[in-house]
Amino acid sequence: MKILNDTDRLIDSVKRIHMIGIGGSGMSPLAELLHNRGYILTGSDNNPSYTLDRVKALGVPVTIGHSAENIGDAELVVYSAAINKANPELVEANKRGIPCVERSVLLGAVTRKFDHVIGVCGTHGKTTVSSMVTSILLDAKLDPSAVIGGVLPKIHSNCCVGESDLLVCESCEYVDTFLQMSPDVAVLLNIDEDHMEYFKTVDRLIGSFAKFVNSASKAVIVNGDDEKSMIAARDVKSEVITFGYGENCRYRAENVHFEKGAFGCFDITEKGEKLCSVRLGVPGKHNVLNALAAAVAALHAGASYEAVQSALLTFGGAHRRFEILYDEGGITIADDYAHHPKELSVTLATAKQMEYDRVIAVFQPFTYSRTAMLLNDFAEALKIADLTVLSEIMGSREVNDWNIYSSDLAAKIPNSVVCPDFEAIAKHICKIAKKGDLIITMGCGDIYKVVPMIKDGLK
């Protein structure tokens, strides 16, 4: 039984909701879910976007720009974490005594409206696995809803709204956001040191994941090969279902081999019995485990083996996950969200297994704290590439108290260069690029914006 809190009771008592920053990647899918449940929405945002257009297509009135008048007759105001406390709409709502709730808190309340919530967590792979699970459930005609951290090409969105009680929800550990949710099934992919400016210690990091998986009411699907994940799941009271390569795992990927150097093919077995064979439409050894985790979660929710096979074969990746954006004249450009050393390593290792003469990494370090704390790990990962081009560090929410610069990282990487801005990166890439190259932009900031500049330069 899911325990209700004040926000749960609040959304049961209101009908009109105003959303500040409604076009955001986290806000827009929440808006779609709320609209489908009959709430009367209004919203505002600073900039037009594809996600904003989707919300407007639902018939939701949206204002570009923020002002006190936008609140209208709202009974509840929802805001994204990016909204400043001085935002005029937030100020007006507080002045009028209208309840205000941060996005993740309201999403948590929405998860308690579904009877089978699959919460996908882990340091790496959340978006890919959430997308894979959603794809399988759609192929199985189980009519799920989903909130994903990236656009899934199958639905051209980071959200789908179904009529069943199934909800797939990507669950992010940053500042313990995922602890607002109430999953029925928690999928724990892995735990690596990240966001340590917040967690401070590995024990606290593992402890947060432990709280999340312990909140799962029905089952925990956990990577049996990952030591930290197994520690987080050791006191779980609900059913624990392990997946991985190891003999201790209930579900295993066996007879693994790779076609065209990188596309995984394997058998899914349960307790030694073969269930089905799978061929992946996305490259990389890491995606074998991602696909296995997704298959286990989908099978647990009632999907057929045939749906697992068809969905994983046709799944071409989520937005910004080894996404091919250009392939002309023998030069290929891909974009990837990788921003942690482990993610960079698996992405670049996958690229090196493919049929390219050179792999050129274009990396934008994100936050000073992560760059400083993991500097040597970043260097080792980027050495996998044949050439590395670095942008300056994107500080985001931080100031550079760490006295760290991209030049410090470049000093540890042979065949690397630092460019001061995206225009300089594009010019440099166009100067050195040749037939047979894979150029891959990586980072969770806005490094993807350099791709059109490179494409224009190459043409």
Protein backbone atom coordinates (compact mmCIF):
# COMPACT_ATOMS: atom_id res chain seq x y z
CA MET A 1 0.00 0.00 0.00
CA LYS A 2 1.36 3.41 -1.00
CA ILE A 3 1.44 5.98 1.79
CA LEU A 4 -0.10 9.33 0.83
CA ASN A 5 1.42 12.66 1.81
CA ASP A 6 0.28 16.29 1.74
CA THR A 7 1.05 16.70 -1.98
CA ASP A 8 -0.99 13.57 -2.81
CA ARG A 9 -3.97 14.97 -0.93
CA LEU A 10 -3.42 18.38 -2.53
CA ILE A 11 -3.60 17.10 -6.12
CA ASP A 12 -6.78 15.23 -5.19
CA SER A 13 -8.38 18.51 -4.14
CA VAL A 14 -7.41 20.83 -7.03
CA LYS A 15 -8.29 20.99 -10.71
CA ARG A 16 -6.42 24.01 -12.09
CA ILE A 17 -2.61 23.81 -12.21
CA HIS A 18 -0.12 26.37 -13.54
CA MET A 19 3.31 25.08 -14.58
CA ILE A 20 6.35 27.40 -14.63
CA GLY A 21 8.89 26.15 -17.16
CA ILE A 22 6.33 23.83 -18.75
CA GLY A 23 8.51 23.13 -21.81
CA GLY A 24 11.36 21.62 -19.82
CA SER A 25 12.44 18.01 -20.32
CA GLY A 26 11.09 17.09 -16.89
CA MET A 27 8.04 19.35 -16.90
CA SER A 28 6.56 18.58 -20.33
CA PRO A 29 5.96 14.83 -19.71
CA LEU A 30 4.46 15.66 -16.33
CA ALA A 31 2.14 18.10 -18.11
CA GLU A 32 1.03 15.35 -20.51
CA LEU A 33 0.29 12.97 -17.64
CA LEU A 34 -1.68 15.62 -15.72
CA HIS A 35 -3.63 16.65 -18.83
CA ASN A 36 -4.58 13.03 -19.48
CA ARG A 37 -5.90 12.77 -15.91
CA GLY A 38 -8.27 15.68 -16.47
CA TYR A 39 -6.44 18.61 -14.87
CA ILE A 40 -6.90 22.06 -16.41
CA LEU A 41 -3.39 23.34 -17.14
CA THR A 42 -1.73 26.59 -18.03
CA GLY A 43 1.98 27.15 -18.44
CA SER A 44 4.82 29.50 -19.17
CA ASP A 45 8.36 29.23 -20.46
CA ASN A 46 11.14 31.50 -21.67
CA ASN A 47 11.80 29.86 -25.02
CA PRO A 48 9.92 28.03 -27.77
CA SER A 49 10.87 24.34 -28.12
CA TYR A 50 9.73 21.04 -29.58
CA THR A 51 8.53 19.87 -26.17
CA LEU A 52 6.63 23.12 -25.68
CA ASP A 53 4.92 22.61 -29.04
CA ARG A 54 3.80 19.14 -27.89
CA VAL A 55 2.23 20.62 -24.77
CA LYS A 56 0.49 23.36 -26.79
CA ALA A 57 -0.84 20.71 -29.18
CA LEU A 58 -2.77 19.25 -26.24
CA GLY A 59 -4.68 22.53 -26.02
CA VAL A 60 -2.78 23.84 -22.99
CA PRO A 61 -2.52 27.68 -23.01
CA VAL A 62 1.19 28.58 -22.85
CA THR A 63 2.76 32.02 -22.46
CA ILE A 64 6.30 32.81 -23.61
CA GLY A 65 7.86 34.84 -20.83
CA HIS A 66 7.11 35.05 -17.12
CA SER A 67 4.79 37.52 -15.40
CA ALA A 68 2.51 37.56 -12.37
CA GLU A 69 -0.59 37.65 -14.59
CA ASN A 70 0.18 34.18 -15.94
CA ILE A 71 -0.93 32.59 -12.66
CA GLY A 72 -4.59 33.32 -13.46
CA ASP A 73 -6.99 31.30 -11.30
CA ALA A 74 -4.58 28.43 -10.63
CA GLU A 75 -5.15 26.40 -7.46
CA LEU A 76 -1.66 24.89 -7.56
CA VAL A 77 1.64 26.07 -9.04
CA VAL A 78 4.35 23.63 -10.16
CA TYR A 79 7.87 24.80 -10.95
CA SER A 80 11.02 23.13 -12.25
CA ALA A 81 14.24 23.06 -10.24
CA ALA A 82 15.71 25.59 -12.69
CA ILE A 83 13.20 28.29 -11.68
CA ASN A 84 14.64 31.04 -9.51
CA LYS A 85 12.84 31.96 -6.28
CA ALA A 86 12.59 35.53 -7.60
CA ASN A 87 10.54 34.39 -10.60
CA PRO A 88 7.55 36.79 -10.76
CA GLU A 89 5.04 33.94 -11.08
CA LEU A 90 6.43 32.13 -8.07
CA VAL A 91 6.47 35.39 -6.12
CA GLU A 92 2.84 36.10 -7.08
CA ALA A 93 1.71 32.61 -6.13
CA ASN A 94 3.36 32.88 -2.72
CA LYS A 95 1.82 36.32 -2.19
CA ARG A 96 -1.64 34.93 -2.96
CA GLY A 97 -1.14 31.86 -0.79
CA ILE A 98 -1.39 29.44 -3.71
CA PRO A 99 0.43 26.16 -2.91
CA CYS A 100 3.69 25.77 -4.84
CA VAL A 101 5.32 22.38 -5.48
CA GLU A 102 8.62 21.49 -7.15
CA ARG A 103 8.34 19.23 -10.19
CA SER A 104 9.92 16.09 -8.69
CA VAL A 105 7.60 16.27 -5.68
CA LEU A 106 4.52 16.39 -7.90
CA LEU A 107 5.87 13.62 -10.13
CA GLY A 108 6.27 11.53 -7.00
CA ALA A 109 2.61 12.10 -6.19
CA VAL A 110 1.63 11.12 -9.74
CA THR A 111 3.53 7.82 -9.43
CA ARG A 112 1.21 6.93 -6.57
CA LYS A 113 -1.73 7.11 -9.01
CA PHE A 114 -0.42 4.05 -10.89
CA ASP A 115 -0.52 0.44 -9.70
CA HIS A 116 2.64 -0.75 -11.47
CA VAL A 117 5.41 1.85 -11.53
CA ILE A 118 8.76 0.71 -12.91
CA GLY A 119 11.42 3.08 -11.55
CA VAL A 120 14.72 2.77 -13.42
CA CYS A 121 17.72 4.03 -11.47
CA GLY A 122 21.51 3.81 -11.63
CA THR A 123 24.50 6.02 -12.37
CA HIS A 124 24.57 4.98 -16.04
CA GLY A 125 22.01 3.74 -18.54
CA LYS A 126 18.77 5.08 -17.03
CA THR A 127 17.49 6.73 -20.19
CA THR A 128 18.45 3.82 -22.44
CA VAL A 129 16.85 1.19 -20.20
CA SER A 130 13.73 3.29 -19.58
CA SER A 131 13.42 3.69 -23.36
CA MET A 132 13.96 -0.04 -23.96
CA VAL A 133 11.37 -1.04 -21.34
CA THR A 134 8.85 1.38 -22.84
CA SER A 135 9.53 0.06 -26.36
CA ILE A 136 8.97 -3.54 -25.24
CA LEU A 137 5.74 -2.71 -23.39
CA LEU A 138 4.47 -0.84 -26.45
CA ASP A 139 5.26 -3.78 -28.73
CA ALA A 140 3.51 -6.04 -26.22
CA LYS A 141 0.36 -3.85 -26.55
CA LEU A 142 0.35 -3.24 -22.79
CA ASP A 143 -0.43 0.50 -23.27
CA PRO A 144 2.09 1.99 -20.79
CA SER A 145 2.71 5.56 -19.75
CA ALA A 146 6.33 6.68 -19.56
CA VAL A 147 8.51 9.55 -18.37
CA ILE A 148 11.94 9.30 -19.97
CA GLY A 149 15.02 11.55 -19.74
CA GLY A 150 15.49 11.66 -23.51
CA VAL A 151 13.39 11.54 -26.66
CA LEU A 152 12.47 8.00 -27.72
CA PRO A 153 12.24 7.97 -31.55
CA LYS A 154 9.52 5.30 -31.46
CA ILE A 155 7.14 7.83 -29.91
CA HIS A 156 8.97 11.04 -30.94
CA SER A 157 8.80 12.18 -27.34
CA ASN A 158 10.17 11.69 -23.84
CA CYS A 159 6.66 10.80 -22.69
CA CYS A 160 3.82 8.53 -23.66
CA VAL A 161 0.43 8.42 -22.02
CA GLY A 162 -1.41 5.10 -21.95
CA GLU A 163 -4.61 3.93 -20.34
CA SER A 164 -3.11 1.05 -18.32
CA ASP A 165 -1.74 1.15 -14.77
CA LEU A 166 1.81 0.70 -16.08
CA LEU A 167 4.18 3.65 -15.70
CA VAL A 168 7.87 3.57 -16.66
CA CYS A 169 9.72 6.36 -14.89
CA GLU A 170 13.39 7.26 -15.18
CA SER A 171 14.55 7.86 -11.61
CA CYS A 172 17.49 10.20 -11.07
CA GLU A 173 19.59 10.12 -7.91
CA TYR A 174 20.82 13.74 -8.15
CA VAL A 175 20.05 15.52 -4.85
CA ASP A 176 17.93 12.47 -3.96
CA THR A 177 15.21 13.43 -6.43
CA PHE A 178 14.19 9.80 -6.88
CA LEU A 179 13.24 9.50 -3.22
CA GLN A 180 10.09 11.50 -4.01
CA MET A 181 8.81 8.54 -6.06
CA SER A 182 6.99 5.38 -5.03
CA PRO A 183 8.04 2.59 -7.40
CA ASP A 184 6.37 -0.79 -7.39
CA VAL A 185 9.36 -2.28 -9.19
CA ALA A 186 12.81 -0.70 -8.86
CA VAL A 187 15.43 -1.47 -11.52
CA LEU A 188 18.97 -0.80 -10.23
CA LEU A 189 21.52 -0.82 -13.04
CA ASN A 190 24.76 0.20 -11.34
CA ILE A 191 26.27 2.56 -8.77
CA ASP A 192 29.41 4.59 -9.52
CA GLU A 193 30.82 7.65 -7.82
CA ASP A 194 29.00 10.66 -9.24
CA HIS A 195 27.40 13.80 -7.82
CA MET A 196 29.89 13.47 -4.97
CA GLU A 197 29.68 17.22 -4.30
CA TYR A 198 26.24 16.30 -2.92
CA PHE A 199 26.67 12.77 -1.56
CA LYS A 200 30.17 13.40 -0.11
CA THR A 201 30.87 9.72 0.61
CA VAL A 202 30.32 6.43 -1.21
CA ASP A 203 28.39 5.10 1.78
CA ARG A 204 25.91 7.98 1.53
CA LEU A 205 25.58 7.40 -2.22
CA ILE A 206 24.84 3.70 -1.72
CA GLY A 207 22.51 4.60 1.14
CA SER A 208 20.36 6.76 -1.13
CA PHE A 209 20.00 3.97 -3.66
CA ALA A 210 19.16 1.62 -0.79
CA LYS A 211 16.33 3.92 0.28
CA PHE A 212 14.99 3.97 -3.26
CA VAL A 213 15.02 0.21 -3.83
CA ASN A 214 13.59 -0.39 -0.36
CA SER A 215 10.61 1.75 -1.33
CA ALA A 216 9.68 -0.72 -4.10
CA SER A 217 6.51 -2.55 -3.08
CA LYS A 218 6.67 -5.54 -5.46
CA ALA A 219 10.22 -6.31 -6.62
CA VAL A 220 13.76 -5.04 -7.08
CA ILE A 221 15.56 -5.96 -10.30
CA VAL A 222 19.26 -5.49 -9.61
CA ASN A 223 22.56 -5.94 -11.41
CA GLY A 224 23.97 -9.01 -9.67
CA ASP A 225 27.45 -8.31 -11.05
CA ASP A 226 27.68 -4.84 -9.50
CA GLU A 227 28.98 -4.93 -5.93
CA LYS A 228 27.65 -1.54 -4.82
CA SER A 229 24.20 -2.30 -6.25
CA MET A 230 24.04 -5.58 -4.38
CA ILE A 231 25.01 -3.81 -1.15
CA ALA A 232 22.17 -1.32 -1.73
CA ALA A 233 19.71 -4.19 -2.24
CA ARG A 234 20.83 -6.47 0.59
CA ASP A 235 18.09 -5.48 3.06
CA VAL A 236 15.23 -5.30 0.56
CA LYS A 237 12.03 -6.85 1.90
CA SER A 238 10.30 -7.34 -1.47
CA GLU A 239 11.37 -9.90 -4.10
CA VAL A 240 14.95 -9.44 -5.36
CA ILE A 241 15.55 -10.45 -8.99
CA THR A 242 19.16 -10.43 -10.21
CA PHE A 243 20.44 -10.05 -13.76
CA GLY A 244 23.92 -10.11 -15.25
CA TYR A 245 26.61 -12.46 -16.54
CA GLY A 246 27.52 -14.12 -13.25
CA GLU A 247 26.33 -17.59 -12.24
CA ASN A 248 24.73 -16.05 -9.14
CA CYS A 249 22.25 -14.13 -11.35
CA ARG A 250 18.74 -15.43 -11.93
CA TYR A 251 18.57 -13.93 -15.43
CA ARG A 252 21.72 -14.11 -17.51
CA ALA A 253 23.01 -13.01 -20.90
CA GLU A 254 24.65 -16.11 -22.36
CA ASN A 255 26.32 -17.00 -25.68
CA VAL A 256 27.11 -13.32 -26.21
CA HIS A 257 28.70 -12.37 -29.51
CA PHE A 258 28.84 -9.22 -31.61
CA GLU A 259 27.91 -8.62 -35.23
CA LYS A 260 29.65 -5.93 -37.30
CA GLY A 261 32.04 -5.60 -34.37
CA ALA A 262 29.62 -3.99 -31.94
CA PHE A 263 25.97 -5.13 -32.16
CA GLY A 264 25.26 -7.65 -29.43
CA CYS A 265 23.48 -10.97 -29.92
CA PHE A 266 22.76 -13.18 -26.91
CA ASP A 267 20.42 -15.64 -25.22
CA ILE A 268 18.33 -14.63 -22.22
CA THR A 269 18.26 -17.45 -19.69
CA GLU A 270 16.47 -17.83 -16.37
CA LYS A 271 18.04 -20.23 -13.88
CA GLY A 272 19.86 -21.91 -16.75
CA GLU A 273 16.81 -22.30 -19.00
CA LYS A 274 16.86 -20.43 -22.31
CA LEU A 275 13.92 -18.04 -22.72
CA CYS A 276 14.70 -16.38 -26.05
CA SER A 277 17.50 -15.07 -28.29
CA VAL A 278 18.01 -11.36 -28.84
CA ARG A 279 19.79 -9.23 -31.42
CA LEU A 280 20.32 -5.57 -30.54
CA GLY A 281 19.87 -2.57 -32.78
CA VAL A 282 22.29 -0.48 -30.71
CA PRO A 283 26.04 -1.07 -30.39
CA GLY A 284 28.19 -1.78 -27.35
CA LYS A 285 28.81 -4.44 -24.74
CA HIS A 286 27.20 -2.19 -22.12
CA ASN A 287 23.92 -2.35 -24.06
CA VAL A 288 23.80 -6.12 -23.60
CA LEU A 289 23.29 -5.58 -19.86
CA ASN A 290 20.98 -2.62 -20.50
CA ALA A 291 18.84 -4.80 -22.77
CA LEU A 292 18.84 -7.68 -20.28
CA ALA A 293 17.67 -5.38 -17.47
CA ALA A 294 14.92 -3.95 -19.70
CA ALA A 295 13.81 -7.41 -20.78
CA VAL A 296 13.55 -8.64 -17.19
CA ALA A 297 11.51 -5.59 -16.15
CA ALA A 298 9.19 -5.92 -19.15
CA LEU A 299 8.73 -9.68 -18.71
CA HIS A 300 7.91 -9.09 -15.05
CA ALA A 301 5.23 -6.61 -16.19
CA GLY A 302 3.65 -9.17 -18.52
CA ALA A 303 5.41 -8.70 -21.86
CA SER A 304 5.94 -11.66 -24.19
CA TYR A 305 9.28 -12.99 -25.40
CA GLU A 306 8.27 -11.99 -28.92
CA ALA A 307 7.80 -8.37 -27.82
CA VAL A 308 11.23 -8.42 -26.16
CA GLN A 309 12.84 -9.69 -29.36
CA SER A 310 11.07 -7.31 -31.75
CA ALA A 311 11.49 -4.19 -29.62
CA LEU A 312 15.18 -4.72 -28.89
CA LEU A 313 15.95 -5.49 -32.53
CA THR A 314 14.28 -2.30 -33.76
CA PHE A 315 15.40 -0.09 -30.86
CA GLY A 316 17.89 2.35 -32.39
CA GLY A 317 18.71 4.28 -29.25
CA ALA A 318 17.34 7.28 -27.41
CA HIS A 319 18.13 10.89 -28.24
CA ARG A 320 21.78 11.76 -27.50
CA ARG A 321 22.73 8.10 -26.90
CA PHE A 322 25.25 7.32 -29.67
CA GLU A 323 22.88 9.16 -32.00
CA ILE A 324 24.16 9.37 -35.58
CA LEU A 325 23.57 12.92 -36.84
CA TYR A 326 25.68 13.02 -40.01
CA ASP A 327 27.07 10.41 -42.40
CA GLU A 328 28.36 11.87 -45.65
CA GLY A 329 31.57 11.71 -47.63
CA GLY A 330 32.91 8.94 -45.45
CA ILE A 331 32.73 11.10 -42.30
CA THR A 332 30.29 10.22 -39.50
CA ILE A 333 29.19 12.45 -36.62
CA ALA A 334 27.52 10.98 -33.54
CA ASP A 335 26.35 12.63 -30.32
CA ASP A 336 26.24 11.06 -26.87
CA TYR A 337 25.19 12.19 -23.40
CA ALA A 338 28.23 10.54 -21.75
CA HIS A 339 29.58 12.82 -19.02
CA HIS A 340 31.10 10.45 -16.44
CA PRO A 341 34.42 8.63 -17.01
CA LYS A 342 32.72 5.22 -17.00
CA GLU A 343 30.25 6.39 -19.64
CA LEU A 344 33.01 7.91 -21.75
CA SER A 345 34.99 4.66 -21.53
CA VAL A 346 32.18 2.39 -22.71
CA THR A 347 31.08 4.81 -25.44
CA LEU A 348 34.58 5.25 -26.84
CA ALA A 349 35.38 1.53 -26.50
CA THR A 350 32.23 0.79 -28.49
CA ALA A 351 33.23 3.34 -31.14
CA LYS A 352 36.67 1.76 -31.46
CA GLN A 353 35.05 -1.64 -32.13
CA MET A 354 33.17 -0.23 -35.10
CA GLU A 355 34.40 0.15 -38.67
CA TYR A 356 36.06 3.57 -38.43
CA ASP A 357 39.67 4.53 -39.14
CA ARG A 358 39.83 7.13 -36.37
CA VAL A 359 37.64 8.10 -33.44
CA ILE A 360 37.73 11.80 -32.60
CA ALA A 361 36.22 12.66 -29.21
CA VAL A 362 34.79 16.15 -28.70
CA PHE A 363 34.14 16.42 -24.99
CA GLN A 364 32.59 19.17 -22.87
CA PRO A 365 33.41 18.65 -19.17
CA PHE A 366 30.39 19.40 -16.98
CA THR A 367 30.80 21.04 -13.55
CA TYR A 368 34.08 21.96 -11.91
CA SER A 369 33.61 19.57 -9.01
CA ARG A 370 33.14 16.46 -11.17
CA THR A 371 36.07 17.44 -13.42
CA ALA A 372 38.40 18.04 -10.47
CA MET A 373 37.37 15.00 -8.45
CA LEU A 374 37.56 12.59 -11.41
CA LEU A 375 40.32 14.28 -13.44
CA ASN A 376 42.58 11.22 -13.81
CA ASP A 377 39.61 8.97 -14.61
CA PHE A 378 38.48 11.37 -17.34
CA ALA A 379 41.98 11.40 -18.80
CA GLU A 380 42.19 7.60 -18.91
CA ALA A 381 38.79 7.38 -20.59
CA LEU A 382 39.58 9.97 -23.25
CA LYS A 383 42.88 8.28 -24.10
CA ILE A 384 40.77 5.59 -25.78
CA ALA A 385 40.02 8.03 -28.62
CA ASP A 386 42.57 8.63 -31.34
CA LEU A 387 42.21 12.39 -30.97
CA THR A 388 40.49 14.47 -28.29
CA VAL A 389 39.09 18.00 -28.59
CA LEU A 390 37.99 19.67 -25.35
CA SER A 391 35.73 22.65 -24.80
CA GLU A 392 36.06 24.76 -21.70
CA ILE A 393 34.29 23.35 -18.63
CA MET A 394 30.56 24.08 -18.41
CA GLY A 395 30.21 25.16 -14.79
CA SER A 396 26.40 25.08 -14.72
CA ARG A 397 25.27 25.62 -11.12
CA GLU A 398 28.85 25.96 -9.79
CA VAL A 399 31.57 28.60 -9.55
CA ASN A 400 35.17 27.60 -10.13
CA ASP A 401 36.31 27.36 -6.52
CA TRP A 402 38.23 24.26 -7.61
CA ASN A 403 40.62 26.24 -9.83
CA ILE A 404 40.26 23.59 -12.50
CA TYR A 405 40.41 24.11 -16.28
CA SER A 406 40.15 21.99 -19.40
CA SER A 407 43.84 22.62 -19.97
CA ASP A 408 44.52 20.58 -16.81
CA LEU A 409 42.71 17.65 -18.40
CA ALA A 410 44.36 18.12 -21.80
CA ALA A 411 47.80 17.99 -20.16
CA LYS A 412 47.07 14.36 -19.24
CA ILE A 413 45.78 13.28 -22.68
CA PRO A 414 48.08 12.72 -25.70
CA ASN A 415 46.81 14.10 -29.01
CA SER A 416 44.42 16.53 -27.34
CA VAL A 417 43.61 20.19 -27.79
CA VAL A 418 41.43 22.74 -25.97
CA CYS A 419 39.29 25.14 -28.01
CA PRO A 420 37.88 28.33 -26.44
CA ASP A 421 34.39 28.12 -27.98
CA PHE A 422 32.17 26.05 -30.25
CA GLU A 423 33.12 28.02 -33.35
CA ALA A 424 36.77 27.21 -32.74
CA ILE A 425 35.92 23.53 -32.19
CA ALA A 426 34.02 23.38 -35.48
CA LYS A 427 36.86 25.02 -37.40
CA HIS A 428 39.42 22.67 -35.87
CA ILE A 429 37.34 19.57 -36.61
CA CYS A 430 36.73 20.63 -40.21
CA LYS A 431 40.46 21.18 -40.62
CA ILE A 432 41.49 17.71 -39.40
CA ALA A 433 38.51 15.53 -40.42
CA LYS A 434 39.00 13.00 -43.19
CA LYS A 435 37.26 10.04 -44.76
CA GLY A 436 36.90 7.14 -42.33
CA ASP A 437 36.56 9.32 -39.21
CA LEU A 438 33.92 9.06 -36.50
CA ILE A 439 33.53 12.38 -34.71
CA ILE A 440 31.61 11.94 -31.48
CA THR A 441 30.47 14.87 -29.33
CA MET A 442 30.03 13.96 -25.67
CA GLY A 443 28.73 15.66 -22.54
CA CYS A 444 25.48 16.44 -20.72
CA GLY A 445 25.69 20.18 -21.38
CA ASP A 446 25.13 21.86 -24.75
CA ILE A 447 28.03 20.41 -26.75
CA TYR A 448 25.48 19.05 -29.25
CA LYS A 449 25.18 22.61 -30.55
CA VAL A 450 28.58 22.27 -32.23
CA VAL A 451 27.31 19.51 -34.55
CA PRO A 452 25.41 21.80 -36.99
CA MET A 453 28.50 24.05 -37.11
CA ILE A 454 30.70 21.09 -38.04
CA LYS A 455 28.17 19.88 -40.63
CA ASP A 456 28.04 23.32 -42.25
CA GLY A 457 31.82 23.51 -42.28
CA LEU A 458 32.22 20.07 -43.84
CA LYS A 459 29.71 20.90 -46.58
